[in-house]
Structures are given as structure tokens and as C-alpha cells.
PDB file of N, CA and C in Angstrom:
ATOM      1  N   UNK A   1     -61.905  85.389 -20.840  1.00  0.00           N
ATOM      2  CA  UNK A   1     -60.561  84.872 -20.852  1.00  0.00           C
ATOM      3  C   UNK A   1     -59.577  86.032 -20.960  1.00  0.00           C
ATOM      4  N   UNK A   2     -58.431  85.854 -20.365  1.00  0.00           N
ATOM      5  CA  UNK A   2     -57.396  86.879 -20.409  1.00  0.00           C
ATOM      6  C   UNK A   2     -56.137  86.311 -21.043  1.00  0.00           C
ATOM      7  N   UNK A   3     -55.548  87.097 -21.945  1.00  0.00           N
ATOM      8  CA  UNK A   3     -54.314  86.723 -22.605  1.00  0.00           C
ATOM      9  C   UNK A   3     -53.356  87.905 -22.579  1.00  0.00           C
ATOM     10  N   UNK A   4     -52.087  87.611 -22.495  1.00  0.00           N
ATOM     11  CA  UNK A   4     -51.058  88.654 -22.524  1.00  0.00           C
ATOM     12  C   UNK A   4     -50.944  89.181 -23.949  1.00  0.00           C
ATOM     13  N   UNK A   5     -50.839  90.497 -24.071  1.00  0.00           N
ATOM     14  CA  UNK A   5     -50.661  91.150 -25.369  1.00  0.00           C
ATOM     15  C   UNK A   5     -49.445  92.061 -25.265  1.00  0.00           C
ATOM     16  N   UNK A   6     -48.595  91.986 -26.264  1.00  0.00           N
ATOM     17  CA  UNK A   6     -47.418  92.846 -26.332  1.00  0.00           C
ATOM     18  C   UNK A   6     -47.652  93.840 -27.462  1.00  0.00           C
ATOM     19  N   UNK A   7     -47.470  95.124 -27.156  1.00  0.00           N
ATOM     20  CA  UNK A   7     -47.653  96.163 -28.168  1.00  0.00           C
ATOM     21  C   UNK A   7     -46.347  96.925 -28.298  1.00  0.00           C
ATOM     22  N   UNK A   8     -45.851  96.995 -29.527  1.00  0.00           N
ATOM     23  CA  UNK A   8     -44.619  97.730 -29.813  1.00  0.00           C
ATOM     24  C   UNK A   8     -44.828  98.608 -31.037  1.00  0.00           C
ATOM     25  N   UNK A   9     -44.101  99.720 -31.092  1.00  0.00           N
ATOM     26  CA  UNK A   9     -44.165 100.590 -32.257  1.00  0.00           C
ATOM     27  C   UNK A   9     -43.082 100.154 -33.237  1.00  0.00           C
ATOM     28  N   UNK A  10     -43.456  99.991 -34.513  1.00  0.00           N
ATOM     29  CA  UNK A  10     -42.457  99.606 -35.506  1.00  0.00           C
ATOM     30  C   UNK A  10     -41.744 100.841 -36.050  1.00  0.00           C
ATOM     31  N   UNK A  11     -40.826 100.614 -36.976  1.00  0.00           N
ATOM     32  CA  UNK A  11     -40.004 101.706 -37.507  1.00  0.00           C
ATOM     33  C   UNK A  11     -40.800 102.736 -38.298  1.00  0.00           C
ATOM     34  N   UNK A  12     -42.025 102.390 -38.709  1.00  0.00           N
ATOM     35  CA  UNK A  12     -42.877 103.320 -39.446  1.00  0.00           C
ATOM     36  C   UNK A  12     -43.875 104.043 -38.551  1.00  0.00           C
ATOM     37  N   UNK A  13     -43.790 103.808 -37.229  1.00  0.00           N
ATOM     38  CA  UNK A  13     -44.698 104.460 -36.298  1.00  0.00           C
ATOM     39  C   UNK A  13     -46.033 103.752 -36.130  1.00  0.00           C
ATOM     40  N   UNK A  14     -46.150 102.549 -36.656  1.00  0.00           N
ATOM     41  CA  UNK A  14     -47.373 101.755 -36.515  1.00  0.00           C
ATOM     42  C   UNK A  14     -47.237 100.885 -35.269  1.00  0.00           C
ATOM     43  N   UNK A  15     -48.314 100.774 -34.508  1.00  0.00           N
ATOM     44  CA  UNK A  15     -48.307  99.937 -33.307  1.00  0.00           C
ATOM     45  C   UNK A  15     -48.680  98.505 -33.702  1.00  0.00           C
ATOM     46  N   UNK A  16     -47.798  97.580 -33.354  1.00  0.00           N
ATOM     47  CA  UNK A  16     -47.996  96.165 -33.671  1.00  0.00           C
ATOM     48  C   UNK A  16     -48.317  95.433 -32.369  1.00  0.00           C
ATOM     49  N   UNK A  17     -49.416  94.689 -32.366  1.00  0.00           N
ATOM     50  CA  UNK A  17     -49.860  93.943 -31.191  1.00  0.00           C
ATOM     51  C   UNK A  17     -49.758  92.452 -31.482  1.00  0.00           C
ATOM     52  N   UNK A  18     -49.245  91.715 -30.494  1.00  0.00           N
ATOM     53  CA  UNK A  18     -49.083  90.273 -30.636  1.00  0.00           C
ATOM     54  C   UNK A  18     -49.566  89.589 -29.368  1.00  0.00           C
ATOM     55  N   UNK A  19     -50.190  88.439 -29.534  1.00  0.00           N
ATOM     56  CA  UNK A  19     -50.649  87.631 -28.416  1.00  0.00           C
ATOM     57  C   UNK A  19     -49.810  86.355 -28.395  1.00  0.00           C
ATOM     58  N   UNK A  20     -48.743  86.297 -27.561  1.00  0.00           N
ATOM     59  CA  UNK A  20     -47.832  85.155 -27.577  1.00  0.00           C
ATOM     60  C   UNK A  20     -48.490  83.799 -27.308  1.00  0.00           C
ATOM     61  N   UNK A  21     -49.559  83.768 -26.550  1.00  0.00           N
ATOM     62  CA  UNK A  21     -50.237  82.501 -26.245  1.00  0.00           C
ATOM     63  C   UNK A  21     -50.965  81.927 -27.448  1.00  0.00           C
ATOM     64  N   UNK A  22     -51.206  82.771 -28.444  1.00  0.00           N
ATOM     65  CA  UNK A  22     -51.905  82.359 -29.658  1.00  0.00           C
ATOM     66  C   UNK A  22     -50.958  82.562 -30.837  1.00  0.00           C
ATOM     67  N   UNK A  23     -50.135  81.576 -31.159  1.00  0.00           N
ATOM     68  CA  UNK A  23     -49.112  81.725 -32.201  1.00  0.00           C
ATOM     69  C   UNK A  23     -49.671  82.258 -33.515  1.00  0.00           C
ATOM     70  N   UNK A  24     -49.040  83.316 -34.015  1.00  0.00           N
ATOM     71  CA  UNK A  24     -49.463  83.916 -35.268  1.00  0.00           C
ATOM     72  C   UNK A  24     -50.573  84.935 -35.125  1.00  0.00           C
ATOM     73  N   UNK A  25     -51.053  85.159 -33.909  1.00  0.00           N
ATOM     74  CA  UNK A  25     -52.123  86.131 -33.675  1.00  0.00           C
ATOM     75  C   UNK A  25     -51.486  87.507 -33.502  1.00  0.00           C
ATOM     76  N   UNK A  26     -51.459  88.265 -34.599  1.00  0.00           N
ATOM     77  CA  UNK A  26     -50.804  89.574 -34.636  1.00  0.00           C
ATOM     78  C   UNK A  26     -51.741  90.550 -35.330  1.00  0.00           C
ATOM     79  N   UNK A  27     -51.744  91.790 -34.868  1.00  0.00           N
ATOM     80  CA  UNK A  27     -52.526  92.832 -35.508  1.00  0.00           C
ATOM     81  C   UNK A  27     -51.769  94.147 -35.379  1.00  0.00           C
ATOM     82  N   UNK A  28     -52.366  95.227 -35.832  1.00  0.00           N
ATOM     83  CA  UNK A  28     -51.701  96.523 -35.764  1.00  0.00           C
ATOM     84  C   UNK A  28     -52.726  97.643 -35.738  1.00  0.00           C
ATOM     85  N   UNK A  29     -52.241  98.850 -35.525  1.00  0.00           N
ATOM     86  CA  UNK A  29     -53.101 100.020 -35.528  1.00  0.00           C
ATOM     87  C   UNK A  29     -52.274 101.294 -35.568  1.00  0.00           C
ATOM     88  N   UNK A  30     -52.915 102.394 -35.892  1.00  0.00           N
ATOM     89  CA  UNK A  30     -52.227 103.692 -35.934  1.00  0.00           C
ATOM     90  C   UNK A  30     -51.943 104.212 -34.536  1.00  0.00           C
ATOM     91  N   UNK A  31     -52.738 103.759 -33.552  1.00  0.00           N
ATOM     92  CA  UNK A  31     -52.549 104.148 -32.154  1.00  0.00           C
ATOM     93  C   UNK A  31     -52.495 102.875 -31.309  1.00  0.00           C
ATOM     94  N   UNK A  32     -52.019 103.004 -30.051  1.00  0.00           N
ATOM     95  CA  UNK A  32     -52.015 101.849 -29.143  1.00  0.00           C
ATOM     96  C   UNK A  32     -53.443 101.341 -28.935  1.00  0.00           C
ATOM     97  N   UNK A  33     -54.369 102.261 -28.764  1.00  0.00           N
ATOM     98  CA  UNK A  33     -55.765 101.875 -28.530  1.00  0.00           C
ATOM     99  C   UNK A  33     -56.330 101.115 -29.732  1.00  0.00           C
ATOM    100  N   UNK A  34     -56.031 101.573 -30.925  1.00  0.00           N
ATOM    101  CA  UNK A  34     -56.516 100.897 -32.127  1.00  0.00           C
ATOM    102  C   UNK A  34     -55.883  99.509 -32.254  1.00  0.00           C
ATOM    103  N   UNK A  35     -54.586  99.419 -31.979  1.00  0.00           N
ATOM    104  CA  UNK A  35     -53.908  98.122 -32.036  1.00  0.00           C
ATOM    105  C   UNK A  35     -54.511  97.166 -31.011  1.00  0.00           C
ATOM    106  N   UNK A  36     -54.836  97.667 -29.835  1.00  0.00           N
ATOM    107  CA  UNK A  36     -55.425  96.835 -28.796  1.00  0.00           C
ATOM    108  C   UNK A  36     -56.810  96.326 -29.213  1.00  0.00           C
ATOM    109  N   UNK A  37     -57.623  97.191 -29.772  1.00  0.00           N
ATOM    110  CA  UNK A  37     -58.945  96.759 -30.243  1.00  0.00           C
ATOM    111  C   UNK A  37     -58.807  95.738 -31.367  1.00  0.00           C
ATOM    112  N   UNK A  38     -57.851  95.971 -32.272  1.00  0.00           N
ATOM    113  CA  UNK A  38     -57.664  95.055 -33.396  1.00  0.00           C
ATOM    114  C   UNK A  38     -57.169  93.686 -32.938  1.00  0.00           C
ATOM    115  N   UNK A  39     -56.286  93.639 -31.940  1.00  0.00           N
ATOM    116  CA  UNK A  39     -55.789  92.347 -31.462  1.00  0.00           C
ATOM    117  C   UNK A  39     -56.902  91.596 -30.716  1.00  0.00           C
ATOM    118  N   UNK A  40     -57.799  92.324 -30.071  1.00  0.00           N
ATOM    119  CA  UNK A  40     -58.945  91.668 -29.433  1.00  0.00           C
ATOM    120  C   UNK A  40     -59.797  90.966 -30.483  1.00  0.00           C
ATOM    121  N   UNK A  41     -60.050  91.657 -31.598  1.00  0.00           N
ATOM    122  CA  UNK A  41     -60.834  91.052 -32.683  1.00  0.00           C
ATOM    123  C   UNK A  41     -60.097  89.853 -33.271  1.00  0.00           C
ATOM    124  N   UNK A  42     -58.781  89.987 -33.464  1.00  0.00           N
ATOM    125  CA  UNK A  42     -57.994  88.885 -34.020  1.00  0.00           C
ATOM    126  C   UNK A  42     -58.003  87.684 -33.079  1.00  0.00           C
ATOM    127  N   UNK A  43     -57.855  87.925 -31.789  1.00  0.00           N
ATOM    128  CA  UNK A  43     -57.842  86.838 -30.809  1.00  0.00           C
ATOM    129  C   UNK A  43     -59.206  86.151 -30.752  1.00  0.00           C
ATOM    130  N   UNK A  44     -60.272  86.924 -30.847  1.00  0.00           N
ATOM    131  CA  UNK A  44     -61.607  86.341 -30.838  1.00  0.00           C
ATOM    132  C   UNK A  44     -61.780  85.407 -32.033  1.00  0.00           C
ATOM    133  N   UNK A  45     -61.350  85.842 -33.207  1.00  0.00           N
ATOM    134  CA  UNK A  45     -61.429  85.002 -34.397  1.00  0.00           C
ATOM    135  C   UNK A  45     -60.555  83.762 -34.276  1.00  0.00           C
ATOM    136  N   UNK A  46     -59.385  83.923 -33.685  1.00  0.00           N
ATOM    137  CA  UNK A  46     -58.463  82.808 -33.479  1.00  0.00           C
ATOM    138  C   UNK A  46     -59.111  81.751 -32.590  1.00  0.00           C
ATOM    139  N   UNK A  47     -59.695  82.200 -31.475  1.00  0.00           N
ATOM    140  CA  UNK A  47     -60.342  81.274 -30.547  1.00  0.00           C
ATOM    141  C   UNK A  47     -61.552  80.588 -31.183  1.00  0.00           C
ATOM    142  N   UNK A  48     -62.307  81.318 -31.978  1.00  0.00           N
ATOM    143  CA  UNK A  48     -63.452  80.726 -32.677  1.00  0.00           C
ATOM    144  C   UNK A  48     -62.981  79.633 -33.636  1.00  0.00           C
ATOM    145  N   UNK A  49     -61.850  79.873 -34.307  1.00  0.00           N
ATOM    146  CA  UNK A  49     -61.297  78.876 -35.218  1.00  0.00           C
ATOM    147  C   UNK A  49     -60.841  77.629 -34.459  1.00  0.00           C
ATOM    148  N   UNK A  50     -60.207  77.834 -33.301  1.00  0.00           N
ATOM    149  CA  UNK A  50     -59.786  76.687 -32.488  1.00  0.00           C
ATOM    150  C   UNK A  50     -60.994  75.840 -32.099  1.00  0.00           C
ATOM    151  N   UNK A  51     -62.059  76.502 -31.644  1.00  0.00           N
ATOM    152  CA  UNK A  51     -63.273  75.781 -31.254  1.00  0.00           C
ATOM    153  C   UNK A  51     -63.870  75.020 -32.433  1.00  0.00           C
ATOM    154  N   UNK A  52     -63.923  75.685 -33.579  1.00  0.00           N
ATOM    155  CA  UNK A  52     -64.509  75.080 -34.777  1.00  0.00           C
ATOM    156  C   UNK A  52     -63.755  73.804 -35.173  1.00  0.00           C
ATOM    157  N   UNK A  53     -62.447  73.809 -34.984  1.00  0.00           N
ATOM    158  CA  UNK A  53     -61.617  72.667 -35.380  1.00  0.00           C
ATOM    159  C   UNK A  53     -61.300  71.730 -34.215  1.00  0.00           C
ATOM    160  N   UNK A  54     -62.024  71.904 -33.109  1.00  0.00           N
ATOM    161  CA  UNK A  54     -61.840  71.072 -31.917  1.00  0.00           C
ATOM    162  C   UNK A  54     -60.396  71.041 -31.426  1.00  0.00           C
ATOM    163  N   UNK A  55     -59.739  72.191 -31.526  1.00  0.00           N
ATOM    164  CA  UNK A  55     -58.369  72.333 -31.028  1.00  0.00           C
ATOM    165  C   UNK A  55     -58.426  72.846 -29.589  1.00  0.00           C
ATOM    166  N   UNK A  56     -57.424  72.524 -28.777  1.00  0.00           N
ATOM    167  CA  UNK A  56     -57.430  73.009 -27.392  1.00  0.00           C
ATOM    168  C   UNK A  56     -57.242  74.524 -27.321  1.00  0.00           C
ATOM    169  N   UNK A  57     -57.933  75.116 -26.377  1.00  0.00           N
ATOM    170  CA  UNK A  57     -57.827  76.561 -26.151  1.00  0.00           C
ATOM    171  C   UNK A  57     -56.835  76.791 -25.022  1.00  0.00           C
ATOM    172  N   UNK A  58     -55.814  77.639 -25.259  1.00  0.00           N
ATOM    173  CA  UNK A  58     -54.846  77.909 -24.196  1.00  0.00           C
ATOM    174  C   UNK A  58     -55.541  78.489 -22.967  1.00  0.00           C
ATOM    175  N   UNK A  59     -55.045  78.171 -21.785  1.00  0.00           N
ATOM    176  CA  UNK A  59     -55.675  78.705 -20.573  1.00  0.00           C
ATOM    177  C   UNK A  59     -55.440  80.201 -20.421  1.00  0.00           C
ATOM    178  N   UNK A  60     -56.339  80.838 -19.692  1.00  0.00           N
ATOM    179  CA  UNK A  60     -56.173  82.255 -19.367  1.00  0.00           C
ATOM    180  C   UNK A  60     -54.924  82.433 -18.524  1.00  0.00           C
ATOM    181  N   UNK A  61     -54.378  83.642 -18.558  1.00  0.00           N
ATOM    182  CA  UNK A  61     -53.227  83.937 -17.718  1.00  0.00           C
ATOM    183  C   UNK A  61     -53.685  84.690 -16.480  1.00  0.00           C
ATOM    184  N   UNK A  62     -52.902  84.592 -15.468  1.00  0.00           N
ATOM    185  CA  UNK A  62     -53.142  85.344 -14.239  1.00  0.00           C
ATOM    186  C   UNK A  62     -51.845  86.053 -13.909  1.00  0.00           C
ATOM    187  N   UNK A  63     -51.880  87.360 -13.856  1.00  0.00           N
ATOM    188  CA  UNK A  63     -50.689  88.153 -13.588  1.00  0.00           C
ATOM    189  C   UNK A  63     -50.933  89.025 -12.370  1.00  0.00           C
ATOM    190  N   UNK A  64     -49.856  89.304 -11.709  1.00  0.00           N
ATOM    191  CA  UNK A  64     -49.876  90.226 -10.583  1.00  0.00           C
ATOM    192  C   UNK A  64     -48.794  91.270 -10.819  1.00  0.00           C
ATOM    193  N   UNK A  65     -49.009  92.429 -10.301  1.00  0.00           N
ATOM    194  CA  UNK A  65     -48.012  93.490 -10.331  1.00  0.00           C
ATOM    195  C   UNK A  65     -47.554  93.726  -8.909  1.00  0.00           C
ATOM    196  N   UNK A  66     -46.257  93.771  -8.715  1.00  0.00           N
ATOM    197  CA  UNK A  66     -45.715  94.029  -7.395  1.00  0.00           C
ATOM    198  C   UNK A  66     -44.914  95.323  -7.425  1.00  0.00           C
ATOM    199  N   UNK A  67     -44.958  96.039  -6.348  1.00  0.00           N
ATOM    200  CA  UNK A  67     -44.188  97.274  -6.213  1.00  0.00           C
ATOM    201  C   UNK A  67     -43.025  96.983  -5.265  1.00  0.00           C
ATOM    202  N   UNK A  68     -41.841  97.376  -5.703  1.00  0.00           N
ATOM    203  CA  UNK A  68     -40.644  97.140  -4.916  1.00  0.00           C
ATOM    204  C   UNK A  68     -39.995  98.477  -4.580  1.00  0.00           C
ATOM    205  N   UNK A  69     -39.764  98.706  -3.317  1.00  0.00           N
ATOM    206  CA  UNK A  69     -39.119  99.948  -2.892  1.00  0.00           C
ATOM    207  C   UNK A  69     -37.609  99.774  -3.003  1.00  0.00           C
ATOM    208  N   UNK A  70     -36.954 100.781  -3.514  1.00  0.00           N
ATOM    209  CA  UNK A  70     -35.493 100.716  -3.644  1.00  0.00           C
ATOM    210  C   UNK A  70     -34.826 101.625  -2.620  1.00  0.00           C
TER     211      UNK A  70
END
């Protein structure tokens, strides 16, 4: 499954990762790579909890990147 993840650096230099499709699924790390790995673990746990409680799982996203000449 694929989910959109937003990674931003906070005022203390910590990278905060959030998965908007999974409300409240947020993690962090000292580096972008660490934040990304941590949000993957958080999302996996979130999805396992949804399954355990027979809650619906949000669908995967499909994104495309387009290049526009100016």
C-alpha cells in the first residue's frame, strides 16, 4: 500500500513526518531518512490497529509527477 507522507523540519531541527490519510499518524527523526523509517513503522502499527478493530483501511494513493516547460 502507498500513502502520502509529509516531512517538515521543526524549529528545533527535528524532522516531523505525518501521514494525512491516517489521522494522528505522526513520527519524527533526527534526519529525513530516520523520520521516513519511523513513519513507516507508525503507519504499519496504525493499519494493524485498524484491522484488529475491523475499521476500514484507507485506499492507497496513486500520484503522478508531470514536468512543465516554461
